[in-house]
Amino acid sequence: NSEIYVMDSDGTDVIQLTNTGDGNWFPSWSPDGKQIAFTSRRFGDMEIFVMDRDGTNINRLLQTGSARSWSN
């Protein structure tokens, strides 16, 4: 299962943002760096979610699809 992490550019200070066991993929930073869009199977189907940069305030945006880029 895939989870989403953030870390410093030198690989230190690794922080796990998701922990569902259902798979979380394709994280993409928002242009302002405040949120991360990603896909997850946490409700069974592949769906699009967005969360704050610290992993809080996770919200489902769409019930199908893939969040590969904020510009798509």
PDB file of N, CA and C in Angstrom:
ATOM      1  N   ASN A   1       0.838  -1.195   0.000  1.00  0.00           N
ATOM      2  CA  ASN A   1       0.000   0.000   0.000  1.00  0.00           C
ATOM      3  C   ASN A   1       0.872   1.243   0.000  1.00  0.00           C
ATOM      4  N   SER A   2       0.456   2.237  -0.711  1.00  0.00           N
ATOM      5  CA  SER A   2       1.215   3.483  -0.832  1.00  0.00           C
ATOM      6  C   SER A   2       0.661   4.532   0.115  1.00  0.00           C
ATOM      7  N   GLU A   3       1.568   5.281   0.714  1.00  0.00           N
ATOM      8  CA  GLU A   3       1.192   6.407   1.561  1.00  0.00           C
ATOM      9  C   GLU A   3       1.943   7.638   1.071  1.00  0.00           C
ATOM     10  N   ILE A   4       1.552   8.811   1.540  1.00  0.00           N
ATOM     11  CA  ILE A   4       2.157  10.060   1.106  1.00  0.00           C
ATOM     12  C   ILE A   4       2.980  10.639   2.262  1.00  0.00           C
ATOM     13  N   TYR A   5       4.205  11.037   1.930  1.00  0.00           N
ATOM     14  CA  TYR A   5       5.143  11.604   2.890  1.00  0.00           C
ATOM     15  C   TYR A   5       5.654  12.937   2.367  1.00  0.00           C
ATOM     16  N   VAL A   6       6.150  13.771   3.264  1.00  0.00           N
ATOM     17  CA  VAL A   6       6.912  14.962   2.896  1.00  0.00           C
ATOM     18  C   VAL A   6       8.236  14.888   3.651  1.00  0.00           C
ATOM     19  N   MET A   7       9.241  15.581   3.111  1.00  0.00           N
ATOM     20  CA  MET A   7      10.543  15.628   3.767  1.00  0.00           C
ATOM     21  C   MET A   7      11.304  16.845   3.285  1.00  0.00           C
ATOM     22  N   ASP A   8      12.357  17.179   3.995  1.00  0.00           N
ATOM     23  CA  ASP A   8      13.239  18.245   3.553  1.00  0.00           C
ATOM     24  C   ASP A   8      13.973  17.793   2.303  1.00  0.00           C
ATOM     25  N   SER A   9      14.504  18.739   1.541  1.00  0.00           N
ATOM     26  CA  SER A   9      15.168  18.408   0.281  1.00  0.00           C
ATOM     27  C   SER A   9      16.400  17.530   0.468  1.00  0.00           C
ATOM     28  N   ASP A  10      16.978  17.512   1.667  1.00  0.00           N
ATOM     29  CA  ASP A  10      18.140  16.650   1.924  1.00  0.00           C
ATOM     30  C   ASP A  10      17.742  15.271   2.446  1.00  0.00           C
ATOM     31  N   GLY A  11      16.433  14.984   2.484  1.00  0.00           N
ATOM     32  CA  GLY A  11      15.945  13.677   2.905  1.00  0.00           C
ATOM     33  C   GLY A  11      15.700  13.546   4.403  1.00  0.00           C
ATOM     34  N   THR A  12      15.890  14.600   5.156  1.00  0.00           N
ATOM     35  CA  THR A  12      15.653  14.554   6.597  1.00  0.00           C
ATOM     36  C   THR A  12      14.240  15.027   6.921  1.00  0.00           C
ATOM     37  N   ASP A  13      13.848  14.859   8.173  1.00  0.00           N
ATOM     38  CA  ASP A  13      12.535  15.300   8.667  1.00  0.00           C
ATOM     39  C   ASP A  13      11.387  14.700   7.856  1.00  0.00           C
ATOM     40  N   VAL A  14      11.407  13.382   7.696  1.00  0.00           N
ATOM     41  CA  VAL A  14      10.352  12.676   6.964  1.00  0.00           C
ATOM     42  C   VAL A  14       9.090  12.641   7.818  1.00  0.00           C
ATOM     43  N   ILE A  15       7.969  13.059   7.222  1.00  0.00           N
ATOM     44  CA  ILE A  15       6.678  13.065   7.917  1.00  0.00           C
ATOM     45  C   ILE A  15       5.660  12.339   7.053  1.00  0.00           C
ATOM     46  N   GLN A  16       5.005  11.331   7.627  1.00  0.00           N
ATOM     47  CA  GLN A  16       3.956  10.601   6.909  1.00  0.00           C
ATOM     48  C   GLN A  16       2.658  11.380   7.024  1.00  0.00           C
ATOM     49  N   LEU A  17       2.039  11.689   5.878  1.00  0.00           N
ATOM     50  CA  LEU A  17       0.815  12.480   5.862  1.00  0.00           C
ATOM     51  C   LEU A  17      -0.447  11.633   5.782  1.00  0.00           C
ATOM     52  N   THR A  18      -0.376  10.473   5.136  1.00  0.00           N
ATOM     53  CA  THR A  18      -1.542   9.589   5.042  1.00  0.00           C
ATOM     54  C   THR A  18      -1.203   8.261   5.688  1.00  0.00           C
ATOM     55  N   ASN A  19      -2.230   7.575   6.159  1.00  0.00           N
ATOM     56  CA  ASN A  19      -2.042   6.269   6.794  1.00  0.00           C
ATOM     57  C   ASN A  19      -3.357   5.502   6.726  1.00  0.00           C
ATOM     58  N   THR A  20      -3.771   5.172   5.510  1.00  0.00           N
ATOM     59  CA  THR A  20      -5.063   4.517   5.360  1.00  0.00           C
ATOM     60  C   THR A  20      -4.957   3.028   5.087  1.00  0.00           C
ATOM     61  N   GLY A  21      -3.813   2.580   4.528  1.00  0.00           N
ATOM     62  CA  GLY A  21      -3.680   1.186   4.146  1.00  0.00           C
ATOM     63  C   GLY A  21      -4.424   0.848   2.867  1.00  0.00           C
ATOM     64  N   ASP A  22      -5.094   1.822   2.290  1.00  0.00           N
ATOM     65  CA  ASP A  22      -5.884   1.606   1.076  1.00  0.00           C
ATOM     66  C   ASP A  22      -5.181   2.095  -0.172  1.00  0.00           C
ATOM     67  N   GLY A  23      -4.057   2.738  -0.041  1.00  0.00           N
ATOM     68  CA  GLY A  23      -3.306   3.261  -1.172  1.00  0.00           C
ATOM     69  C   GLY A  23      -3.625   4.715  -1.458  1.00  0.00           C
ATOM     70  N   ASN A  24      -2.590   5.507  -1.537  1.00  0.00           N
ATOM     71  CA  ASN A  24      -2.678   6.932  -1.836  1.00  0.00           C
ATOM     72  C   ASN A  24      -1.579   7.227  -2.850  1.00  0.00           C
ATOM     73  N   TRP A  25      -1.934   7.836  -3.985  1.00  0.00           N
ATOM     74  CA  TRP A  25      -0.989   7.995  -5.085  1.00  0.00           C
ATOM     75  C   TRP A  25      -1.024   9.391  -5.680  1.00  0.00           C
ATOM     76  N   PHE A  26      -0.030   9.651  -6.517  1.00  0.00           N
ATOM     77  CA  PHE A  26       0.047  10.845  -7.373  1.00  0.00           C
ATOM     78  C   PHE A  26      -0.120  12.163  -6.616  1.00  0.00           C
ATOM     79  N   PRO A  27       0.625  12.367  -5.524  1.00  0.00           N
ATOM     80  CA  PRO A  27       0.514  13.653  -4.832  1.00  0.00           C
ATOM     81  C   PRO A  27       1.001  14.786  -5.726  1.00  0.00           C
ATOM     82  N   SER A  28       0.339  15.916  -5.645  1.00  0.00           N
ATOM     83  CA  SER A  28       0.684  17.088  -6.447  1.00  0.00           C
ATOM     84  C   SER A  28       0.463  18.345  -5.608  1.00  0.00           C
ATOM     85  N   TRP A  29       1.526  19.132  -5.428  1.00  0.00           N
ATOM     86  CA  TRP A  29       1.425  20.361  -4.647  1.00  0.00           C
ATOM     87  C   TRP A  29       0.559  21.391  -5.370  1.00  0.00           C
ATOM     88  N   SER A  30      -0.213  22.143  -4.603  1.00  0.00           N
ATOM     89  CA  SER A  30      -0.939  23.282  -5.169  1.00  0.00           C
ATOM     90  C   SER A  30       0.077  24.358  -5.551  1.00  0.00           C
ATOM     91  N   PRO A  31      -0.281  25.235  -6.473  1.00  0.00           N
ATOM     92  CA  PRO A  31       0.655  26.290  -6.885  1.00  0.00           C
ATOM     93  C   PRO A  31       1.171  27.149  -5.728  1.00  0.00           C
ATOM     94  N   ASP A  32       0.355  27.364  -4.690  1.00  0.00           N
ATOM     95  CA  ASP A  32       0.795  28.185  -3.559  1.00  0.00           C
ATOM     96  C   ASP A  32       1.492  27.369  -2.468  1.00  0.00           C
ATOM     97  N   GLY A  33       1.588  26.039  -2.643  1.00  0.00           N
ATOM     98  CA  GLY A  33       2.287  25.183  -1.688  1.00  0.00           C
ATOM     99  C   GLY A  33       1.543  24.922  -0.394  1.00  0.00           C
ATOM    100  N   LYS A  34       0.275  25.292  -0.336  1.00  0.00           N
ATOM    101  CA  LYS A  34      -0.491  25.124   0.899  1.00  0.00           C
ATOM    102  C   LYS A  34      -1.257  23.811   0.973  1.00  0.00           C
ATOM    103  N   GLN A  35      -1.494  23.161  -0.186  1.00  0.00           N
ATOM    104  CA  GLN A  35      -2.273  21.928  -0.206  1.00  0.00           C
ATOM    105  C   GLN A  35      -1.635  20.902  -1.135  1.00  0.00           C
ATOM    106  N   ILE A  36      -2.071  19.666  -0.960  1.00  0.00           N
ATOM    107  CA  ILE A  36      -1.611  18.567  -1.803  1.00  0.00           C
ATOM    108  C   ILE A  36      -2.846  17.837  -2.316  1.00  0.00           C
ATOM    109  N   ALA A  37      -2.958  17.713  -3.627  1.00  0.00           N
ATOM    110  CA  ALA A  37      -4.012  16.892  -4.229  1.00  0.00           C
ATOM    111  C   ALA A  37      -3.429  15.495  -4.429  1.00  0.00           C
ATOM    112  N   PHE A  38      -4.268  14.468  -4.324  1.00  0.00           N
ATOM    113  CA  PHE A  38      -3.799  13.099  -4.490  1.00  0.00           C
ATOM    114  C   PHE A  38      -4.979  12.192  -4.784  1.00  0.00           C
ATOM    115  N   THR A  39      -4.690  10.990  -5.244  1.00  0.00           N
ATOM    116  CA  THR A  39      -5.744  10.008  -5.439  1.00  0.00           C
ATOM    117  C   THR A  39      -5.644   8.950  -4.347  1.00  0.00           C
ATOM    118  N   SER A  40      -6.780   8.354  -4.032  1.00  0.00           N
ATOM    119  CA  SER A  40      -6.822   7.345  -2.981  1.00  0.00           C
ATOM    120  C   SER A  40      -7.976   6.382  -3.222  1.00  0.00           C
ATOM    121  N   ARG A  41      -7.817   5.184  -2.701  1.00  0.00           N
ATOM    122  CA  ARG A  41      -8.892   4.190  -2.716  1.00  0.00           C
ATOM    123  C   ARG A  41      -9.530   4.032  -1.335  1.00  0.00           C
ATOM    124  N   ARG A  42      -9.454   5.046  -0.510  1.00  0.00           N
ATOM    125  CA  ARG A  42      -9.931   4.939   0.872  1.00  0.00           C
ATOM    126  C   ARG A  42     -11.423   4.633   0.985  1.00  0.00           C
ATOM    127  N   PHE A  43     -12.199   4.897  -0.061  1.00  0.00           N
ATOM    128  CA  PHE A  43     -13.616   4.538  -0.054  1.00  0.00           C
ATOM    129  C   PHE A  43     -13.933   3.476  -1.096  1.00  0.00           C
ATOM    130  N   GLY A  44     -12.898   2.761  -1.572  1.00  0.00           N
ATOM    131  CA  GLY A  44     -13.104   1.662  -2.507  1.00  0.00           C
ATOM    132  C   GLY A  44     -12.683   1.958  -3.925  1.00  0.00           C
ATOM    133  N   ASP A  45     -13.169   3.046  -4.498  1.00  0.00           N
ATOM    134  CA  ASP A  45     -12.822   3.431  -5.865  1.00  0.00           C
ATOM    135  C   ASP A  45     -11.733   4.491  -5.840  1.00  0.00           C
ATOM    136  N   MET A  46     -11.017   4.636  -6.946  1.00  0.00           N
ATOM    137  CA  MET A  46     -10.018   5.686  -7.059  1.00  0.00           C
ATOM    138  C   MET A  46     -10.726   7.031  -7.096  1.00  0.00           C
ATOM    139  N   GLU A  47     -10.406   7.897  -6.123  1.00  0.00           N
ATOM    140  CA  GLU A  47     -11.052   9.192  -6.015  1.00  0.00           C
ATOM    141  C   GLU A  47     -10.010  10.276  -5.769  1.00  0.00           C
ATOM    142  N   ILE A  48     -10.367  11.519  -6.019  1.00  0.00           N
ATOM    143  CA  ILE A  48      -9.452  12.645  -5.847  1.00  0.00           C
ATOM    144  C   ILE A  48      -9.726  13.327  -4.507  1.00  0.00           C
ATOM    145  N   PHE A  49      -8.638  13.607  -3.793  1.00  0.00           N
ATOM    146  CA  PHE A  49      -8.706  14.267  -2.491  1.00  0.00           C
ATOM    147  C   PHE A  49      -7.740  15.436  -2.476  1.00  0.00           C
ATOM    148  N   VAL A  50      -7.934  16.325  -1.520  1.00  0.00           N
ATOM    149  CA  VAL A  50      -6.981  17.404  -1.265  1.00  0.00           C
ATOM    150  C   VAL A  50      -6.811  17.506   0.248  1.00  0.00           C
ATOM    151  N   MET A  51      -5.585  17.792   0.674  1.00  0.00           N
ATOM    152  CA  MET A  51      -5.308  17.964   2.102  1.00  0.00           C
ATOM    153  C   MET A  51      -4.370  19.144   2.289  1.00  0.00           C
ATOM    154  N   ASP A  52      -4.369  19.684   3.495  1.00  0.00           N
ATOM    155  CA  ASP A  52      -3.410  20.730   3.821  1.00  0.00           C
ATOM    156  C   ASP A  52      -2.006  20.140   3.814  1.00  0.00           C
ATOM    157  N   ARG A  53      -1.011  20.970   3.697  1.00  0.00           N
ATOM    158  CA  ARG A  53       0.374  20.516   3.567  1.00  0.00           C
ATOM    159  C   ARG A  53       0.869  19.715   4.758  1.00  0.00           C
ATOM    160  N   ASP A  54       0.181  19.793   5.907  1.00  0.00           N
ATOM    161  CA  ASP A  54       0.569  19.008   7.079  1.00  0.00           C
ATOM    162  C   ASP A  54      -0.246  17.718   7.219  1.00  0.00           C
ATOM    163  N   GLY A  55      -1.071  17.403   6.208  1.00  0.00           N
ATOM    164  CA  GLY A  55      -1.858  16.174   6.223  1.00  0.00           C
ATOM    165  C   GLY A  55      -3.217  16.309   6.875  1.00  0.00           C
ATOM    166  N   THR A  56      -3.583  17.484   7.317  1.00  0.00           N
ATOM    167  CA  THR A  56      -4.882  17.696   7.954  1.00  0.00           C
ATOM    168  C   THR A  56      -5.906  18.158   6.918  1.00  0.00           C
ATOM    169  N   ASN A  57      -7.150  18.208   7.340  1.00  0.00           N
ATOM    170  CA  ASN A  57      -8.255  18.714   6.512  1.00  0.00           C
ATOM    171  C   ASN A  57      -8.353  18.003   5.162  1.00  0.00           C
ATOM    172  N   ILE A  58      -8.391  16.677   5.194  1.00  0.00           N
ATOM    173  CA  ILE A  58      -8.531  15.899   3.965  1.00  0.00           C
ATOM    174  C   ILE A  58      -9.974  15.977   3.489  1.00  0.00           C
ATOM    175  N   ASN A  59     -10.156  16.375   2.224  1.00  0.00           N
ATOM    176  CA  ASN A  59     -11.483  16.493   1.628  1.00  0.00           C
ATOM    177  C   ASN A  59     -11.523  15.778   0.290  1.00  0.00           C
ATOM    178  N   ARG A  60     -12.607  15.044   0.057  1.00  0.00           N
ATOM    179  CA  ARG A  60     -12.813  14.389  -1.234  1.00  0.00           C
ATOM    180  C   ARG A  60     -13.344  15.416  -2.221  1.00  0.00           C
ATOM    181  N   LEU A  61     -12.684  15.525  -3.383  1.00  0.00           N
ATOM    182  CA  LEU A  61     -13.108  16.479  -4.401  1.00  0.00           C
ATOM    183  C   LEU A  61     -13.978  15.837  -5.468  1.00  0.00           C
ATOM    184  N   LEU A  62     -13.555  14.697  -5.953  1.00  0.00           N
ATOM    185  CA  LEU A  62     -14.287  13.986  -7.001  1.00  0.00           C
ATOM    186  C   LEU A  62     -14.337  12.503  -6.658  1.00  0.00           C
ATOM    187  N   GLN A  63     -15.342  11.817  -7.142  1.00  0.00           N
ATOM    188  CA  GLN A  63     -15.476  10.413  -6.812  1.00  0.00           C
ATOM    189  C   GLN A  63     -14.801   9.483  -7.806  1.00  0.00           C
ATOM    190  N   THR A  64     -14.259   9.993  -8.905  1.00  0.00           N
ATOM    191  CA  THR A  64     -13.459   9.189  -9.825  1.00  0.00           C
ATOM    192  C   THR A  64     -12.411  10.080 -10.455  1.00  0.00           C
ATOM    193  N   GLY A  65     -11.316   9.495 -10.932  1.00  0.00           N
ATOM    194  CA  GLY A  65     -10.313  10.271 -11.646  1.00  0.00           C
ATOM    195  C   GLY A  65      -8.921  10.125 -11.090  1.00  0.00           C
ATOM    196  N   SER A  66      -8.050  11.040 -11.465  1.00  0.00           N
ATOM    197  CA  SER A  66      -6.659  11.006 -11.058  1.00  0.00           C
ATOM    198  C   SER A  66      -6.132  12.435 -10.912  1.00  0.00           C
ATOM    199  N   ALA A  67      -5.469  12.711  -9.810  1.00  0.00           N
ATOM    200  CA  ALA A  67      -4.928  14.054  -9.552  1.00  0.00           C
ATOM    201  C   ALA A  67      -3.450  14.088  -9.879  1.00  0.00           C
ATOM    202  N   ARG A  68      -3.106  14.131 -11.141  1.00  0.00           N
ATOM    203  CA  ARG A  68      -1.701  14.130 -11.530  1.00  0.00           C
ATOM    204  C   ARG A  68      -1.116  15.532 -11.564  1.00  0.00           C
ATOM    205  N   SER A  69      -1.926  16.544 -11.758  1.00  0.00           N
ATOM    206  CA  SER A  69      -1.394  17.907 -11.867  1.00  0.00           C
ATOM    207  C   SER A  69      -2.504  18.903 -11.558  1.00  0.00           C
ATOM    208  N   TRP A  70      -2.152  20.009 -10.936  1.00  0.00           N
ATOM    209  CA  TRP A  70      -3.125  21.050 -10.680  1.00  0.00           C
ATOM    210  C   TRP A  70      -3.565  21.727 -11.951  1.00  0.00           C
ATOM    211  N   SER A  71      -2.808  21.571 -13.028  1.00  0.00           N
ATOM    212  CA  SER A  71      -3.146  22.240 -14.277  1.00  0.00           C
ATOM    213  C   SER A  71      -4.026  21.370 -15.188  1.00  0.00           C
ATOM    214  N   ASN A  72      -4.270  20.108 -14.822  1.00  0.00           N
ATOM    215  CA  ASN A  72      -5.109  19.234 -15.660  1.00  0.00           C
ATOM    216  C   ASN A  72      -6.578  19.482 -15.436  1.00  0.00           C
TER     217      ASN A  72
END
